Amino acid sequence: QSIIEEALLHGTSVLVFDPTVQWTGFLSRCQDKKFLELYPRFGLKKTDARAFNGNIHQVNDAREVIEFRKFIKPGEINVFVVNKLETRDYETFVSNVIRQVFKENMPESKQLKLVLVFDEFHRLLPKYGGTGQVLIQVERAAREFRKWGVGLVLISQVISDFQSEVLANINTQIQMRTKDEGDLTRTKNEYGERYLQSLVKAAVGAGMVENSNYNKGKPYFVQFRPLLHSTVRISDADLENYNKYNRVIDDLDYQLEQLEKEGIDIFDLKLELKLALDKVKAGSFNMVDIYLEGLTPRLKGFWSKLGKEPKQREIRRISEAELKKELDKAKKWRDKVEGKTPAQEEPTEEKPAGDDEPVAEETPVDSAKQEQEEQQNVESAIGK
């Protein structure tokens, strides 16, 4: 989560799909004494603890279409809580999200504009109840989203269970301390016994980072700083308030769109509605009520003068046929990629700086010095 904080601080928009509700803490500042005591080690002051601007949405329908452009705002996080979705529904939802990103037809960008975070990603694997079909779409997304400045963060309790095709398209891997035998075996086989022992003994908050563009492709250890936002999820009561008031504001916004088409000047009304939405994001629900109490009667007055009733907002849903069509596209894409010969293979697009999740960089050094500093880096991470 500290990586996502850094992305937000650098003006990147973040959408999180959260089955745990833990990401909702981003909207409140950190008050955990244990975390605050660690701040000086990283050059932080207790006053650096902060909340991040954003909103929280409960997802009850896996096929509801999310209008991404509405949520792409620099430095803002939108958390979509999917804790009520069963594994198969979560799989449908991920497929739906990926489809919608492709449909947005965003302009190409060498700068990271948007990060999509899928937590508990292992739930989509066959071993944990998923069908595994959506992984083909994820593989395609990992390869193609970057040209639009869209990064993917896949968070899982295990890495070794991921298909090799998916891992091959992930440029940065971060392995935190683990006891999973599969991940430990994988670390030993790929990087050697020394890295395995370092990972096992790593301190809390230390992770092994691997990216082919850094440290000549060799893993290195990073001690991640403590979080700035709250480590505590919001209450169920607050989550319900976010749901309730976001629905009300979406309905009123739809009414304003209709009134504008009727030739009504809605400038002041839109400003008031924006102020109400800002209070929702801040969790100041009492203030939201005050704004809505003044806004709702005014809207009714306009409709009364027009002698009309506003249309009800309808939630767009993706059909089973559309989902299947998107899966077929991903399968055809995979067949095309696998069927190409090296001579036919298109040039690999160089990854822009900042694509995917940001990690600590290392300054290039000569081989002898690099080996010495690498060992010191490992020992330092273990000793902290």
Protein backbone atom coordinates (compact mmCIF):
# COMPACT_ATOMS: atom_id res chain seq x y z
CA GLN A 1 0.00 0.00 0.00
CA SER A 2 2.96 2.36 0.46
CA ILE A 3 3.64 1.99 -3.28
CA ILE A 4 0.09 3.10 -4.03
CA GLU A 5 0.50 6.05 -1.65
CA GLU A 6 3.56 7.15 -3.63
CA ALA A 7 1.63 6.84 -6.89
CA LEU A 8 -1.12 9.07 -5.47
CA LEU A 9 1.40 11.60 -4.18
CA HIS A 10 2.82 11.80 -7.72
CA GLY A 11 -0.61 12.57 -9.20
CA THR A 12 -1.60 9.13 -10.47
CA SER A 13 -5.23 8.04 -10.36
CA VAL A 14 -5.85 4.73 -8.57
CA LEU A 15 -8.77 2.30 -8.70
CA VAL A 16 -8.69 -0.54 -6.15
CA PHE A 17 -10.87 -3.64 -6.30
CA ASP A 18 -10.94 -4.75 -2.70
CA PRO A 19 -12.39 -8.02 -1.33
CA THR A 20 -11.01 -7.28 2.16
CA VAL A 21 -12.36 -3.74 2.83
CA GLN A 22 -8.86 -2.92 4.20
CA TRP A 23 -8.13 -0.40 1.45
CA THR A 24 -10.92 1.84 2.75
CA GLY A 25 -8.45 3.13 5.34
CA PHE A 26 -6.88 5.32 2.63
CA LEU A 27 -9.52 7.97 3.31
CA SER A 28 -8.34 8.45 6.93
CA ARG A 29 -4.92 9.37 8.33
CA CYS A 30 -2.74 6.91 10.21
CA GLN A 31 -3.17 6.90 14.00
CA ASP A 32 -1.43 3.57 14.68
CA LYS A 33 1.17 4.30 17.38
CA LYS A 34 3.47 1.47 16.23
CA PHE A 35 3.56 2.90 12.71
CA LEU A 36 4.00 6.49 13.91
CA GLU A 37 6.98 5.45 16.04
CA LEU A 38 8.69 4.16 12.88
CA TYR A 39 8.30 7.45 10.99
CA PRO A 40 11.65 9.02 12.10
CA ARG A 41 13.59 6.06 10.65
CA PHE A 42 12.31 7.07 7.22
CA GLY A 43 12.68 10.82 7.62
CA LEU A 44 8.99 11.26 8.36
CA LYS A 45 7.25 13.29 11.04
CA LYS A 46 4.03 12.30 12.77
CA THR A 47 2.40 15.27 11.06
CA ASP A 48 3.11 13.55 7.72
CA ALA A 49 0.31 11.07 8.45
CA ARG A 50 -2.54 11.91 6.10
CA ALA A 51 -5.74 10.82 4.44
CA PHE A 52 -5.97 10.59 0.65
CA ASN A 53 -8.68 12.12 -1.47
CA GLY A 54 -11.08 9.55 -2.88
CA ASN A 55 -14.32 7.66 -2.56
CA ILE A 56 -15.64 4.22 -1.62
CA HIS A 57 -18.14 2.18 -3.61
CA GLN A 58 -19.81 -1.12 -2.70
CA VAL A 59 -20.10 -3.52 -5.64
CA ASN A 60 -23.14 -5.79 -5.42
CA ASP A 61 -23.53 -6.62 -9.11
CA ALA A 62 -20.53 -8.18 -10.89
CA ARG A 63 -21.93 -7.13 -14.26
CA GLU A 64 -22.43 -3.46 -13.49
CA VAL A 65 -20.51 -1.33 -15.98
CA ILE A 66 -18.06 1.07 -14.33
CA GLU A 67 -17.54 4.32 -16.23
CA PHE A 68 -13.80 4.66 -15.71
CA ARG A 69 -13.39 8.17 -17.07
CA LYS A 70 -15.64 9.39 -14.28
CA PHE A 71 -13.11 8.16 -11.69
CA ILE A 72 -9.81 9.02 -13.39
CA LYS A 73 -8.76 12.08 -11.42
CA PRO A 74 -5.10 12.87 -10.64
CA GLY A 75 -4.06 11.88 -7.12
CA GLU A 76 -7.45 10.39 -6.24
CA ILE A 77 -8.18 6.84 -5.10
CA ASN A 78 -11.50 5.06 -5.63
CA VAL A 79 -11.99 1.85 -3.68
CA PHE A 80 -14.53 -0.62 -5.07
CA VAL A 81 -15.40 -3.01 -2.26
CA VAL A 82 -16.20 -6.46 -3.68
CA ASN A 83 -16.41 -8.42 -0.41
CA LYS A 84 -19.99 -9.51 -1.15
CA LEU A 85 -19.06 -11.19 -4.44
CA GLU A 86 -18.53 -14.95 -4.54
CA THR A 87 -15.41 -16.24 -6.31
CA ARG A 88 -17.18 -16.81 -9.64
CA ASP A 89 -18.80 -13.37 -9.43
CA TYR A 90 -15.44 -11.76 -8.64
CA GLU A 91 -14.06 -13.50 -11.71
CA THR A 92 -16.91 -12.04 -13.78
CA PHE A 93 -16.28 -8.62 -12.29
CA VAL A 94 -12.55 -8.68 -13.16
CA SER A 95 -13.42 -9.70 -16.72
CA ASN A 96 -15.95 -6.88 -16.84
CA VAL A 97 -13.39 -4.33 -15.60
CA ILE A 98 -10.74 -5.38 -18.13
CA ARG A 99 -13.29 -5.24 -20.94
CA GLN A 100 -14.32 -1.75 -19.94
CA VAL A 101 -10.73 -0.47 -19.97
CA PHE A 102 -10.31 -1.75 -23.53
CA LYS A 103 -13.63 -0.13 -24.49
CA GLU A 104 -12.58 3.27 -23.10
CA ASN A 105 -10.20 3.75 -26.05
CA MET A 106 -7.93 6.00 -24.00
CA PRO A 107 -5.19 8.04 -25.68
CA GLU A 108 -1.70 6.58 -25.64
CA SER A 109 0.55 7.89 -22.88
CA LYS A 110 4.15 7.34 -21.87
CA GLN A 111 3.28 8.66 -18.42
CA LEU A 112 1.57 6.51 -15.80
CA LYS A 113 -1.96 7.94 -15.56
CA LEU A 114 -3.97 5.17 -13.90
CA VAL A 115 -3.22 2.19 -11.66
CA LEU A 116 -5.66 -0.70 -11.26
CA VAL A 117 -5.17 -2.76 -8.10
CA PHE A 118 -6.69 -6.24 -7.82
CA ASP A 119 -6.30 -7.57 -4.28
CA GLU A 120 -6.67 -11.25 -3.27
CA PHE A 121 -5.92 -12.12 -6.88
CA HIS A 122 -5.21 -15.76 -6.04
CA ARG A 123 -8.98 -16.22 -5.64
CA LEU A 124 -9.20 -16.33 -9.45
CA LEU A 125 -6.89 -19.32 -9.70
CA PRO A 126 -8.41 -22.82 -10.13
CA LYS A 127 -6.67 -23.96 -6.94
CA TYR A 128 -8.77 -21.48 -4.95
CA GLY A 129 -12.12 -21.91 -6.70
CA GLY A 130 -11.77 -19.84 -9.86
CA THR A 131 -12.06 -21.19 -13.41
CA GLY A 132 -8.79 -19.60 -14.50
CA GLN A 133 -10.35 -18.34 -17.75
CA VAL A 134 -10.02 -14.68 -16.81
CA LEU A 135 -6.23 -15.10 -16.53
CA ILE A 136 -5.99 -14.95 -20.33
CA GLN A 137 -7.63 -11.52 -20.21
CA VAL A 138 -5.30 -10.46 -17.40
CA GLU A 139 -2.31 -11.58 -19.48
CA ARG A 140 -3.54 -9.47 -22.39
CA ALA A 141 -4.19 -6.51 -20.09
CA ALA A 142 -0.70 -6.73 -18.56
CA ARG A 143 0.79 -6.57 -22.03
CA GLU A 144 -1.40 -3.91 -23.65
CA PHE A 145 -2.61 -1.52 -20.92
CA ARG A 146 0.81 0.11 -20.57
CA LYS A 147 0.51 1.90 -23.92
CA TRP A 148 -2.37 3.91 -22.43
CA GLY A 149 -0.43 4.72 -19.27
CA VAL A 150 -2.39 2.16 -17.26
CA GLY A 151 -0.53 0.02 -14.71
CA LEU A 152 -1.71 -3.22 -13.12
CA VAL A 153 -1.00 -4.31 -9.55
CA LEU A 154 -1.94 -7.92 -8.78
CA ILE A 155 -1.76 -8.76 -5.06
CA SER A 156 -1.76 -12.38 -4.00
CA GLN A 157 -0.81 -14.52 -1.04
CA VAL A 158 1.15 -16.73 -3.42
CA ILE A 159 3.13 -16.14 -6.62
CA SER A 160 4.14 -19.68 -7.51
CA ASP A 161 0.56 -20.64 -8.46
CA PHE A 162 0.39 -18.01 -11.19
CA GLN A 163 0.55 -19.14 -14.78
CA SER A 164 3.93 -18.54 -16.39
CA GLU A 165 2.23 -16.57 -19.20
CA VAL A 166 0.89 -14.06 -16.68
CA LEU A 167 4.21 -13.75 -14.82
CA ALA A 168 6.06 -13.26 -18.12
CA ASN A 169 4.11 -10.04 -18.70
CA ILE A 170 4.63 -8.62 -15.21
CA ASN A 171 7.69 -6.38 -15.21
CA THR A 172 8.04 -5.92 -11.45
CA GLN A 173 7.61 -8.61 -8.81
CA ILE A 174 7.73 -7.93 -5.07
CA GLN A 175 7.96 -10.89 -2.72
CA MET A 176 7.41 -10.15 0.95
CA ARG A 177 8.49 -12.54 3.71
CA THR A 178 6.63 -15.81 3.27
CA LYS A 179 6.37 -19.37 4.56
CA ASP A 180 4.64 -20.71 1.47
CA GLU A 181 6.69 -23.68 0.26
CA GLY A 182 5.85 -23.04 -3.37
CA ASP A 183 7.13 -19.47 -3.28
CA LEU A 184 10.22 -20.45 -1.29
CA THR A 185 11.06 -23.21 -3.77
CA ARG A 186 10.52 -20.82 -6.65
CA THR A 187 12.85 -18.24 -5.05
CA LYS A 188 15.56 -20.84 -4.51
CA ASN A 189 15.30 -22.25 -8.04
CA GLU A 190 15.33 -18.84 -9.72
CA TYR A 191 17.74 -16.86 -7.56
CA GLY A 192 19.67 -19.29 -5.37
CA GLU A 193 20.02 -20.31 -1.73
CA ARG A 194 21.36 -16.94 -0.57
CA TYR A 195 18.24 -15.08 -1.68
CA LEU A 196 16.05 -17.78 -0.17
CA GLN A 197 17.68 -17.41 3.25
CA SER A 198 17.53 -13.62 3.01
CA LEU A 199 13.82 -13.74 2.21
CA VAL A 200 13.06 -16.11 5.09
CA LYS A 201 14.95 -13.89 7.55
CA ALA A 202 13.71 -10.57 6.15
CA ALA A 203 12.30 -8.09 8.64
CA VAL A 204 8.65 -7.12 8.69
CA GLY A 205 8.11 -4.56 5.94
CA ALA A 206 11.09 -5.73 3.88
CA GLY A 207 10.48 -7.16 0.44
CA MET A 208 12.50 -8.67 -2.39
CA VAL A 209 12.06 -6.63 -5.58
CA GLU A 210 12.85 -7.97 -9.02
CA ASN A 211 12.74 -5.94 -12.23
CA SER A 212 14.90 -6.64 -15.26
CA ASN A 213 15.57 -2.90 -15.73
CA TYR A 214 17.25 -2.53 -12.33
CA ASN A 215 20.29 -4.12 -10.68
CA LYS A 216 21.03 -6.05 -13.88
CA GLY A 217 17.90 -8.11 -13.35
CA LYS A 218 19.01 -9.43 -9.96
CA PRO A 219 16.61 -9.12 -7.01
CA TYR A 220 17.32 -6.56 -4.31
CA PHE A 221 15.75 -5.86 -0.94
CA VAL A 222 13.72 -2.78 -0.04
CA GLN A 223 12.57 -1.78 3.43
CA PHE A 224 9.19 -0.19 2.74
CA ARG A 225 8.22 2.83 4.81
CA PRO A 226 5.22 2.77 7.18
CA LEU A 227 1.85 3.86 5.84
CA LEU A 228 0.61 7.42 5.97
CA HIS A 229 -3.06 6.45 5.89
CA SER A 230 -5.09 4.54 8.46
CA THR A 231 -4.41 0.84 8.95
CA VAL A 232 -8.02 0.34 10.09
CA ARG A 233 -10.88 -0.34 7.68
CA ILE A 234 -14.01 1.79 7.88
CA SER A 235 -17.01 0.50 9.81
CA ASP A 236 -19.94 -1.24 8.13
CA ALA A 237 -22.12 1.74 9.08
CA ASP A 238 -19.79 4.17 7.29
CA LEU A 239 -19.57 1.85 4.29
CA GLU A 240 -23.36 1.88 4.05
CA ASN A 241 -23.35 5.69 4.25
CA TYR A 242 -20.91 5.88 1.35
CA ASN A 243 -23.20 3.60 -0.64
CA LYS A 244 -26.34 5.54 0.22
CA TYR A 245 -25.04 9.02 -0.48
CA ASN A 246 -23.16 8.05 -3.64
CA ARG A 247 -26.41 6.60 -5.02
CA VAL A 248 -28.32 9.78 -4.14
CA ILE A 249 -25.71 12.03 -5.74
CA ASP A 250 -25.56 9.87 -8.88
CA ASP A 251 -29.36 10.11 -9.18
CA LEU A 252 -29.33 13.90 -8.72
CA ASP A 253 -26.50 14.26 -11.22
CA TYR A 254 -28.59 12.35 -13.77
CA GLN A 255 -31.47 14.72 -13.10
CA LEU A 256 -29.19 17.70 -13.74
CA GLU A 257 -28.18 16.24 -17.09
CA GLN A 258 -31.85 16.04 -18.03
CA LEU A 259 -32.60 19.58 -16.86
CA GLU A 260 -29.69 20.91 -18.90
CA LYS A 261 -31.17 19.30 -22.00
CA GLU A 262 -34.42 21.11 -21.15
CA GLY A 263 -32.56 24.41 -21.34
CA ILE A 264 -32.33 25.01 -17.57
CA ASP A 265 -29.25 26.85 -16.23
CA ILE A 266 -27.81 24.29 -13.81
CA PHE A 267 -24.45 25.95 -13.05
CA ASP A 268 -25.26 26.74 -9.39
CA LEU A 269 -26.95 23.37 -8.91
CA LYS A 270 -23.90 21.50 -10.22
CA LEU A 271 -21.66 23.49 -7.90
CA GLU A 272 -23.79 22.58 -4.88
CA LEU A 273 -23.86 18.93 -5.90
CA LYS A 274 -20.06 18.93 -6.23
CA LEU A 275 -19.76 20.36 -2.72
CA ALA A 276 -22.03 17.58 -1.46
CA LEU A 277 -19.88 14.96 -3.22
CA ASP A 278 -16.73 16.46 -1.68
CA LYS A 279 -18.29 16.00 1.77
CA VAL A 280 -19.10 12.37 0.93
CA LYS A 281 -15.44 11.79 0.05
CA ALA A 282 -14.43 13.37 3.35
CA GLY A 283 -16.89 11.17 5.25
CA SER A 284 -18.74 14.26 6.56
CA PHE A 285 -22.19 12.78 6.13
CA ASN A 286 -23.96 15.34 8.32
CA MET A 287 -22.75 18.09 5.98
CA VAL A 288 -23.94 16.04 3.00
CA ASP A 289 -27.45 16.05 4.49
CA ILE A 290 -27.36 19.85 4.81
CA TYR A 291 -26.42 20.29 1.14
CA LEU A 292 -29.00 17.78 -0.05
CA GLU A 293 -31.77 19.37 2.03
CA GLY A 294 -31.29 22.57 0.10
CA LEU A 295 -30.66 21.02 -3.31
CA THR A 296 -33.43 18.41 -3.57
CA PRO A 297 -36.41 20.85 -3.22
CA ARG A 298 -34.90 23.14 -5.86
CA LEU A 299 -34.70 20.29 -8.34
CA LYS A 300 -38.31 19.35 -7.63
CA GLY A 301 -39.29 22.97 -8.24
CA PHE A 302 -37.72 22.96 -11.70
CA TRP A 303 -39.48 19.72 -12.65
CA SER A 304 -42.76 21.11 -11.36
CA LYS A 305 -42.42 24.21 -13.56
CA LEU A 306 -41.66 22.02 -16.56
CA GLY A 307 -44.66 19.84 -15.79
CA LYS A 308 -42.52 16.73 -16.17
CA GLU A 309 -41.11 13.92 -14.09
CA PRO A 310 -37.37 13.09 -14.23
CA LYS A 311 -36.36 9.78 -15.75
CA GLN A 312 -34.95 7.23 -13.35
CA ARG A 313 -31.25 6.44 -13.67
CA GLU A 314 -30.64 2.93 -14.97
CA ILE A 315 -27.56 0.91 -14.09
CA ARG A 316 -25.83 -0.45 -17.17
CA ARG A 317 -25.05 -4.16 -17.03
CA ILE A 318 -22.87 -6.26 -19.28
CA SER A 319 -24.49 -9.35 -20.80
CA GLU A 320 -23.21 -12.91 -20.71
CA ALA A 321 -22.79 -12.76 -24.50
CA GLU A 322 -20.57 -9.66 -24.21
CA LEU A 323 -18.41 -11.34 -21.57
CA LYS A 324 -18.02 -14.42 -23.75
CA LYS A 325 -17.13 -12.25 -26.74
CA GLU A 326 -14.40 -10.55 -24.73
CA LEU A 327 -13.00 -13.89 -23.56
CA ASP A 328 -12.94 -15.13 -27.17
CA LYS A 329 -11.00 -12.00 -28.15
CA ALA A 330 -8.43 -12.73 -25.45
CA LYS A 331 -8.11 -16.36 -26.62
CA LYS A 332 -7.57 -15.25 -30.22
CA TRP A 333 -4.98 -12.75 -29.02
CA ARG A 334 -3.16 -15.54 -27.13
CA ASP A 335 -3.25 -17.83 -30.20
CA LYS A 336 -1.86 -15.04 -32.35
CA VAL A 337 0.97 -14.34 -29.92
CA GLU A 338 1.89 -18.00 -29.51
CA GLY A 339 1.65 -18.66 -33.24
CA LYS A 340 4.18 -16.00 -34.23
CA THR A 341 7.75 -16.93 -35.14
CA PRO A 342 10.62 -14.81 -33.75
CA ALA A 343 11.01 -13.19 -37.16
CA GLN A 344 7.37 -12.14 -37.17
CA GLU A 345 7.31 -10.94 -33.59
CA GLU A 346 6.59 -7.25 -33.28
CA PRO A 347 9.24 -5.14 -31.52
CA THR A 348 8.75 -5.10 -27.79
CA GLU A 349 7.55 -1.69 -26.67
CA GLU A 350 9.98 -0.12 -24.25
CA LYS A 351 8.31 0.32 -20.90
CA PRO A 352 7.97 4.01 -19.97
CA ALA A 353 9.46 5.11 -16.67
CA GLY A 354 6.88 4.89 -13.94
CA ASP A 355 4.72 2.25 -15.65
CA ASP A 356 3.21 -0.32 -13.31
CA GLU A 357 3.88 0.15 -9.60
CA PRO A 358 6.78 2.43 -8.65
CA VAL A 359 9.66 0.81 -6.78
CA ALA A 360 12.90 2.06 -5.30
CA GLU A 361 15.59 2.36 -7.97
CA GLU A 362 19.26 1.51 -7.62
CA THR A 363 22.06 3.49 -9.19
CA PRO A 364 24.07 1.46 -11.75
CA VAL A 365 27.52 0.48 -10.51
CA ASP A 366 30.43 -1.65 -11.75
CA SER A 367 30.24 -5.43 -11.24
CA ALA A 368 32.56 -5.74 -8.24
CA LYS A 369 31.03 -2.83 -6.40
CA GLN A 370 27.55 -4.05 -7.31
CA GLU A 371 28.16 -7.46 -5.73
CA GLN A 372 29.51 -5.83 -2.56
CA GLU A 373 26.59 -3.40 -2.24
CA GLU A 374 24.08 -6.13 -3.08
CA GLN A 375 25.35 -8.25 -0.17
CA GLN A 376 25.26 -5.22 2.15
CA ASN A 377 21.72 -4.51 0.97
CA VAL A 378 20.59 -8.03 1.83
CA GLU A 379 22.30 -8.00 5.20
CA SER A 380 20.85 -4.56 6.00
CA ALA A 381 17.31 -5.68 5.20
CA ILE A 382 17.74 -8.72 7.42
CA GLY A 383 19.16 -6.72 10.29
CA LYS A 384 16.43 -4.06 10.40
